[in-house]
Amino acid sequence: MVSKFLIQKIQPEDLNYKNILLLRKFISPEGKILPRRLTGLTTKQQRIIAKAIKNARIMGFLPFIRIALY
């Protein structure tokens, strides 16, 4: 879960598909995008994060699914 302190420090220019370390905090271990009620983002920030995650997946920076190693 993402802390409220982190949410307050997020700048609009940081919310892009190239910032992989930030985007990973908004993805569950299964690879799903976390909902607003868990992340504490505003509606506008959630839309930007979701679009950035989807763009990063298309570009190949983030995986679509989690690869489980047994």
PDB file of N, CA and C in Angstrom:
ATOM      1  N   MET A   1       0.835  -1.174   0.000  1.00  0.00           N
ATOM      2  CA  MET A   1       0.000   0.000   0.000  1.00  0.00           C
ATOM      3  C   MET A   1       0.882   1.241   0.000  1.00  0.00           C
ATOM      4  N   VAL A   2       0.446   2.270  -0.681  1.00  0.00           N
ATOM      5  CA  VAL A   2       1.205   3.493  -0.828  1.00  0.00           C
ATOM      6  C   VAL A   2       0.871   4.425   0.326  1.00  0.00           C
ATOM      7  N   SER A   3       1.890   5.065   0.905  1.00  0.00           N
ATOM      8  CA  SER A   3       1.654   5.938   2.042  1.00  0.00           C
ATOM      9  C   SER A   3       1.091   7.288   1.597  1.00  0.00           C
ATOM     10  N   LYS A   4       0.363   7.905   2.495  1.00  0.00           N
ATOM     11  CA  LYS A   4      -0.218   9.230   2.220  1.00  0.00           C
ATOM     12  C   LYS A   4       0.898  10.270   2.036  1.00  0.00           C
ATOM     13  N   PHE A   5       2.027  10.055   2.717  1.00  0.00           N
ATOM     14  CA  PHE A   5       3.146  10.983   2.595  1.00  0.00           C
ATOM     15  C   PHE A   5       3.689  10.992   1.169  1.00  0.00           C
ATOM     16  N   LEU A   6       3.764   9.831   0.555  1.00  0.00           N
ATOM     17  CA  LEU A   6       4.239   9.730  -0.820  1.00  0.00           C
ATOM     18  C   LEU A   6       3.280  10.415  -1.778  1.00  0.00           C
ATOM     19  N   ILE A   7       1.983  10.280  -1.528  1.00  0.00           N
ATOM     20  CA  ILE A   7       0.975  10.872  -2.401  1.00  0.00           C
ATOM     21  C   ILE A   7       1.125  12.383  -2.440  1.00  0.00           C
ATOM     22  N   GLN A   8       1.393  12.994  -1.305  1.00  0.00           N
ATOM     23  CA  GLN A   8       1.503  14.450  -1.237  1.00  0.00           C
ATOM     24  C   GLN A   8       2.733  14.961  -1.968  1.00  0.00           C
ATOM     25  N   LYS A   9       3.768  14.138  -2.105  1.00  0.00           N
ATOM     26  CA  LYS A   9       4.999  14.581  -2.743  1.00  0.00           C
ATOM     27  C   LYS A   9       5.026  14.340  -4.248  1.00  0.00           C
ATOM     28  N   ILE A  10       4.005  13.693  -4.793  1.00  0.00           N
ATOM     29  CA  ILE A  10       3.987  13.388  -6.221  1.00  0.00           C
ATOM     30  C   ILE A  10       3.699  14.658  -7.010  1.00  0.00           C
ATOM     31  N   GLN A  11       4.574  14.949  -7.939  1.00  0.00           N
ATOM     32  CA  GLN A  11       4.400  16.098  -8.821  1.00  0.00           C
ATOM     33  C   GLN A  11       3.814  15.608 -10.147  1.00  0.00           C
ATOM     34  N   PRO A  12       3.033  16.435 -10.841  1.00  0.00           N
ATOM     35  CA  PRO A  12       2.445  16.013 -12.119  1.00  0.00           C
ATOM     36  C   PRO A  12       3.473  15.586 -13.157  1.00  0.00           C
ATOM     37  N   GLU A  13       4.644  16.209 -13.161  1.00  0.00           N
ATOM     38  CA  GLU A  13       5.664  15.829 -14.139  1.00  0.00           C
ATOM     39  C   GLU A  13       6.311  14.484 -13.820  1.00  0.00           C
ATOM     40  N   ASP A  14       6.152  13.995 -12.580  1.00  0.00           N
ATOM     41  CA  ASP A  14       6.682  12.685 -12.210  1.00  0.00           C
ATOM     42  C   ASP A  14       5.789  11.543 -12.670  1.00  0.00           C
ATOM     43  N   LEU A  15       4.555  11.852 -13.022  1.00  0.00           N
ATOM     44  CA  LEU A  15       3.588  10.825 -13.400  1.00  0.00           C
ATOM     45  C   LEU A  15       3.672  10.552 -14.891  1.00  0.00           C
ATOM     46  N   ASN A  16       4.697   9.814 -15.305  1.00  0.00           N
ATOM     47  CA  ASN A  16       4.801   9.421 -16.704  1.00  0.00           C
ATOM     48  C   ASN A  16       5.289   7.977 -16.785  1.00  0.00           C
ATOM     49  N   TYR A  17       5.259   7.422 -17.970  1.00  0.00           N
ATOM     50  CA  TYR A  17       5.558   6.001 -18.152  1.00  0.00           C
ATOM     51  C   TYR A  17       7.024   5.666 -17.932  1.00  0.00           C
ATOM     52  N   LYS A  18       7.900   6.651 -17.887  1.00  0.00           N
ATOM     53  CA  LYS A  18       9.329   6.389 -17.718  1.00  0.00           C
ATOM     54  C   LYS A  18       9.729   6.196 -16.253  1.00  0.00           C
ATOM     55  N   ASN A  19       8.885   6.638 -15.330  1.00  0.00           N
ATOM     56  CA  ASN A  19       9.191   6.548 -13.905  1.00  0.00           C
ATOM     57  C   ASN A  19       8.721   5.190 -13.367  1.00  0.00           C
ATOM     58  N   ILE A  20       9.484   4.159 -13.654  1.00  0.00           N
ATOM     59  CA  ILE A  20       9.099   2.788 -13.347  1.00  0.00           C
ATOM     60  C   ILE A  20       9.069   2.532 -11.844  1.00  0.00           C
ATOM     61  N   LEU A  21       9.994   3.094 -11.103  1.00  0.00           N
ATOM     62  CA  LEU A  21      10.030   2.873  -9.657  1.00  0.00           C
ATOM     63  C   LEU A  21       8.764   3.394  -8.987  1.00  0.00           C
ATOM     64  N   LEU A  22       8.262   4.520  -9.427  1.00  0.00           N
ATOM     65  CA  LEU A  22       7.025   5.062  -8.873  1.00  0.00           C
ATOM     66  C   LEU A  22       5.828   4.221  -9.307  1.00  0.00           C
ATOM     67  N   LEU A  23       5.791   3.816 -10.562  1.00  0.00           N
ATOM     68  CA  LEU A  23       4.647   3.062 -11.074  1.00  0.00           C
ATOM     69  C   LEU A  23       4.520   1.691 -10.423  1.00  0.00           C
ATOM     70  N   ARG A  24       5.622   1.069 -10.054  1.00  0.00           N
ATOM     71  CA  ARG A  24       5.571  -0.247  -9.416  1.00  0.00           C
ATOM     72  C   ARG A  24       4.855  -0.209  -8.077  1.00  0.00           C
ATOM     73  N   LYS A  25       4.848   0.948  -7.422  1.00  0.00           N
ATOM     74  CA  LYS A  25       4.165   1.078  -6.137  1.00  0.00           C
ATOM     75  C   LYS A  25       2.648   1.057  -6.292  1.00  0.00           C
ATOM     76  N   PHE A  26       2.164   1.254  -7.499  1.00  0.00           N
ATOM     77  CA  PHE A  26       0.730   1.288  -7.753  1.00  0.00           C
ATOM     78  C   PHE A  26       0.243   0.026  -8.445  1.00  0.00           C
ATOM     79  N   ILE A  27       1.058  -1.028  -8.439  1.00  0.00           N
ATOM     80  CA  ILE A  27       0.695  -2.302  -9.052  1.00  0.00           C
ATOM     81  C   ILE A  27       0.753  -3.379  -7.977  1.00  0.00           C
ATOM     82  N   SER A  28      -0.265  -4.235  -7.948  1.00  0.00           N
ATOM     83  CA  SER A  28      -0.311  -5.329  -6.980  1.00  0.00           C
ATOM     84  C   SER A  28       0.705  -6.407  -7.383  1.00  0.00           C
ATOM     85  N   PRO A  29       0.981  -7.345  -6.479  1.00  0.00           N
ATOM     86  CA  PRO A  29       1.902  -8.441  -6.831  1.00  0.00           C
ATOM     87  C   PRO A  29       1.421  -9.282  -8.014  1.00  0.00           C
ATOM     88  N   GLU A  30       0.111  -9.298  -8.244  1.00  0.00           N
ATOM     89  CA  GLU A  30      -0.427 -10.037  -9.388  1.00  0.00           C
ATOM     90  C   GLU A  30      -0.322  -9.255 -10.687  1.00  0.00           C
ATOM     91  N   GLY A  31       0.053  -7.987 -10.614  1.00  0.00           N
ATOM     92  CA  GLY A  31       0.193  -7.172 -11.809  1.00  0.00           C
ATOM     93  C   GLY A  31      -0.987  -6.269 -12.085  1.00  0.00           C
ATOM     94  N   LYS A  32      -1.952  -6.223 -11.168  1.00  0.00           N
ATOM     95  CA  LYS A  32      -3.129  -5.385 -11.372  1.00  0.00           C
ATOM     96  C   LYS A  32      -2.880  -3.973 -10.855  1.00  0.00           C
ATOM     97  N   ILE A  33      -3.532  -3.001 -11.472  1.00  0.00           N
ATOM     98  CA  ILE A  33      -3.441  -1.618 -11.029  1.00  0.00           C
ATOM     99  C   ILE A  33      -4.281  -1.469  -9.769  1.00  0.00           C
ATOM    100  N   LEU A  34      -3.688  -0.916  -8.708  1.00  0.00           N
ATOM    101  CA  LEU A  34      -4.403  -0.765  -7.450  1.00  0.00           C
ATOM    102  C   LEU A  34      -5.490   0.302  -7.565  1.00  0.00           C
ATOM    103  N   PRO A  35      -6.633   0.100  -6.904  1.00  0.00           N
ATOM    104  CA  PRO A  35      -7.721   1.078  -6.975  1.00  0.00           C
ATOM    105  C   PRO A  35      -7.443   2.296  -6.101  1.00  0.00           C
ATOM    106  N   ARG A  36      -8.235   3.326  -6.322  1.00  0.00           N
ATOM    107  CA  ARG A  36      -8.073   4.584  -5.594  1.00  0.00           C
ATOM    108  C   ARG A  36      -8.224   4.417  -4.095  1.00  0.00           C
ATOM    109  N   ARG A  37      -9.131   3.565  -3.679  1.00  0.00           N
ATOM    110  CA  ARG A  37      -9.381   3.422  -2.241  1.00  0.00           C
ATOM    111  C   ARG A  37      -8.169   2.865  -1.506  1.00  0.00           C
ATOM    112  N   LEU A  38      -7.289   2.159  -2.215  1.00  0.00           N
ATOM    113  CA  LEU A  38      -6.075   1.638  -1.589  1.00  0.00           C
ATOM    114  C   LEU A  38      -4.894   2.591  -1.729  1.00  0.00           C
ATOM    115  N   THR A  39      -4.828   3.317  -2.826  1.00  0.00           N
ATOM    116  CA  THR A  39      -3.683   4.192  -3.057  1.00  0.00           C
ATOM    117  C   THR A  39      -3.862   5.571  -2.449  1.00  0.00           C
ATOM    118  N   GLY A  40      -5.102   6.033  -2.321  1.00  0.00           N
ATOM    119  CA  GLY A  40      -5.336   7.354  -1.765  1.00  0.00           C
ATOM    120  C   GLY A  40      -5.131   8.478  -2.762  1.00  0.00           C
ATOM    121  N   LEU A  41      -5.069   8.159  -4.038  1.00  0.00           N
ATOM    122  CA  LEU A  41      -4.879   9.172  -5.068  1.00  0.00           C
ATOM    123  C   LEU A  41      -6.188   9.899  -5.352  1.00  0.00           C
ATOM    124  N   THR A  42      -6.065  11.083  -5.924  1.00  0.00           N
ATOM    125  CA  THR A  42      -7.250  11.777  -6.408  1.00  0.00           C
ATOM    126  C   THR A  42      -7.681  11.118  -7.711  1.00  0.00           C
ATOM    127  N   THR A  43      -8.870  11.458  -8.172  1.00  0.00           N
ATOM    128  CA  THR A  43      -9.377  10.869  -9.409  1.00  0.00           C
ATOM    129  C   THR A  43      -8.469  11.205 -10.582  1.00  0.00           C
ATOM    130  N   LYS A  44      -8.046  12.443 -10.654  1.00  0.00           N
ATOM    131  CA  LYS A  44      -7.179  12.878 -11.755  1.00  0.00           C
ATOM    132  C   LYS A  44      -5.833  12.145 -11.715  1.00  0.00           C
ATOM    133  N   GLN A  45      -5.247  12.030 -10.516  1.00  0.00           N
ATOM    134  CA  GLN A  45      -3.974  11.324 -10.384  1.00  0.00           C
ATOM    135  C   GLN A  45      -4.116   9.848 -10.736  1.00  0.00           C
ATOM    136  N   GLN A  46      -5.247   9.231 -10.344  1.00  0.00           N
ATOM    137  CA  GLN A  46      -5.464   7.818 -10.646  1.00  0.00           C
ATOM    138  C   GLN A  46      -5.550   7.583 -12.143  1.00  0.00           C
ATOM    139  N   ARG A  47      -6.230   8.479 -12.860  1.00  0.00           N
ATOM    140  CA  ARG A  47      -6.317   8.347 -14.320  1.00  0.00           C
ATOM    141  C   ARG A  47      -4.948   8.469 -14.958  1.00  0.00           C
ATOM    142  N   ILE A  48      -4.151   9.415 -14.479  1.00  0.00           N
ATOM    143  CA  ILE A  48      -2.808   9.620 -15.032  1.00  0.00           C
ATOM    144  C   ILE A  48      -1.923   8.407 -14.742  1.00  0.00           C
ATOM    145  N   ILE A  49      -2.005   7.877 -13.512  1.00  0.00           N
ATOM    146  CA  ILE A  49      -1.213   6.704 -13.136  1.00  0.00           C
ATOM    147  C   ILE A  49      -1.612   5.500 -13.982  1.00  0.00           C
ATOM    148  N   ALA A  50      -2.918   5.276 -14.157  1.00  0.00           N
ATOM    149  CA  ALA A  50      -3.385   4.132 -14.941  1.00  0.00           C
ATOM    150  C   ALA A  50      -2.905   4.232 -16.383  1.00  0.00           C
ATOM    151  N   LYS A  51      -2.983   5.419 -16.954  1.00  0.00           N
ATOM    152  CA  LYS A  51      -2.534   5.605 -18.334  1.00  0.00           C
ATOM    153  C   LYS A  51      -1.019   5.405 -18.437  1.00  0.00           C
ATOM    154  N   ALA A  52      -0.265   5.895 -17.446  1.00  0.00           N
ATOM    155  CA  ALA A  52       1.190   5.736 -17.452  1.00  0.00           C
ATOM    156  C   ALA A  52       1.576   4.265 -17.322  1.00  0.00           C
ATOM    157  N   ILE A  53       0.861   3.506 -16.478  1.00  0.00           N
ATOM    158  CA  ILE A  53       1.147   2.081 -16.323  1.00  0.00           C
ATOM    159  C   ILE A  53       0.863   1.346 -17.628  1.00  0.00           C
ATOM    160  N   LYS A  54      -0.251   1.671 -18.259  1.00  0.00           N
ATOM    161  CA  LYS A  54      -0.593   1.020 -19.524  1.00  0.00           C
ATOM    162  C   LYS A  54       0.424   1.352 -20.613  1.00  0.00           C
ATOM    163  N   ASN A  55       0.872   2.611 -20.673  1.00  0.00           N
ATOM    164  CA  ASN A  55       1.890   2.998 -21.651  1.00  0.00           C
ATOM    165  C   ASN A  55       3.210   2.283 -21.382  1.00  0.00           C
ATOM    166  N   ALA A  56       3.588   2.159 -20.102  1.00  0.00           N
ATOM    167  CA  ALA A  56       4.834   1.477 -19.747  1.00  0.00           C
ATOM    168  C   ALA A  56       4.763  -0.001 -20.122  1.00  0.00           C
ATOM    169  N   ARG A  57       3.587  -0.608 -19.994  1.00  0.00           N
ATOM    170  CA  ARG A  57       3.431  -2.006 -20.389  1.00  0.00           C
ATOM    171  C   ARG A  57       3.571  -2.167 -21.895  1.00  0.00           C
ATOM    172  N   ILE A  58       2.989  -1.259 -22.647  1.00  0.00           N
ATOM    173  CA  ILE A  58       3.081  -1.321 -24.106  1.00  0.00           C
ATOM    174  C   ILE A  58       4.531  -1.132 -24.554  1.00  0.00           C
ATOM    175  N   MET A  59       5.244  -0.213 -23.909  1.00  0.00           N
ATOM    176  CA  MET A  59       6.635   0.052 -24.261  1.00  0.00           C
ATOM    177  C   MET A  59       7.576  -1.060 -23.793  1.00  0.00           C
ATOM    178  N   GLY A  60       7.106  -1.917 -22.891  1.00  0.00           N
ATOM    179  CA  GLY A  60       7.927  -3.021 -22.423  1.00  0.00           C
ATOM    180  C   GLY A  60       8.685  -2.736 -21.138  1.00  0.00           C
ATOM    181  N   PHE A  61       8.385  -1.622 -20.486  1.00  0.00           N
ATOM    182  CA  PHE A  61       9.068  -1.287 -19.237  1.00  0.00           C
ATOM    183  C   PHE A  61       8.493  -2.062 -18.048  1.00  0.00           C
ATOM    184  N   LEU A  62       7.201  -2.368 -18.097  1.00  0.00           N
ATOM    185  CA  LEU A  62       6.529  -3.124 -17.047  1.00  0.00           C
ATOM    186  C   LEU A  62       5.901  -4.370 -17.658  1.00  0.00           C
ATOM    187  N   PRO A  63       5.856  -5.464 -16.901  1.00  0.00           N
ATOM    188  CA  PRO A  63       5.215  -6.664 -17.424  1.00  0.00           C
ATOM    189  C   PRO A  63       3.686  -6.572 -17.312  1.00  0.00           C
ATOM    190  N   PHE A  64       2.995  -7.301 -18.179  1.00  0.00           N
ATOM    191  CA  PHE A  64       1.551  -7.365 -18.099  1.00  0.00           C
ATOM    192  C   PHE A  64       1.121  -8.271 -16.949  1.00  0.00           C
ATOM    193  N   ILE A  65       1.875  -9.346 -16.732  1.00  0.00           N
ATOM    194  CA  ILE A  65       1.564 -10.293 -15.659  1.00  0.00           C
ATOM    195  C   ILE A  65       2.829 -10.565 -14.866  1.00  0.00           C
ATOM    196  N   ARG A  66       2.634 -11.089 -13.672  1.00  0.00           N
ATOM    197  CA  ARG A  66       3.757 -11.459 -12.827  1.00  0.00           C
ATOM    198  C   ARG A  66       4.182 -12.865 -13.192  1.00  0.00           C
ATOM    199  N   ILE A  67       5.457 -13.050 -13.392  1.00  0.00           N
ATOM    200  CA  ILE A  67       5.988 -14.375 -13.719  1.00  0.00           C
ATOM    201  C   ILE A  67       6.337 -15.073 -12.405  1.00  0.00           C
ATOM    202  N   ALA A  68       5.639 -16.156 -12.126  1.00  0.00           N
ATOM    203  CA  ALA A  68       5.871 -16.899 -10.897  1.00  0.00           C
ATOM    204  C   ALA A  68       6.937 -17.966 -11.144  1.00  0.00           C
ATOM    205  N   LEU A  69       7.917 -17.992 -10.276  1.00  0.00           N
ATOM    206  CA  LEU A  69       8.976 -19.002 -10.336  1.00  0.00           C
ATOM    207  C   LEU A  69       8.758 -19.976  -9.198  1.00  0.00           C
ATOM    208  N   TYR A  70       8.580 -21.235  -9.537  1.00  0.00           N
ATOM    209  CA  TYR A  70       8.315 -22.248  -8.511  1.00  0.00           C
ATOM    210  C   TYR A  70       9.523 -23.072  -8.267  1.00  0.00           C
TER     211      TYR A  70
END
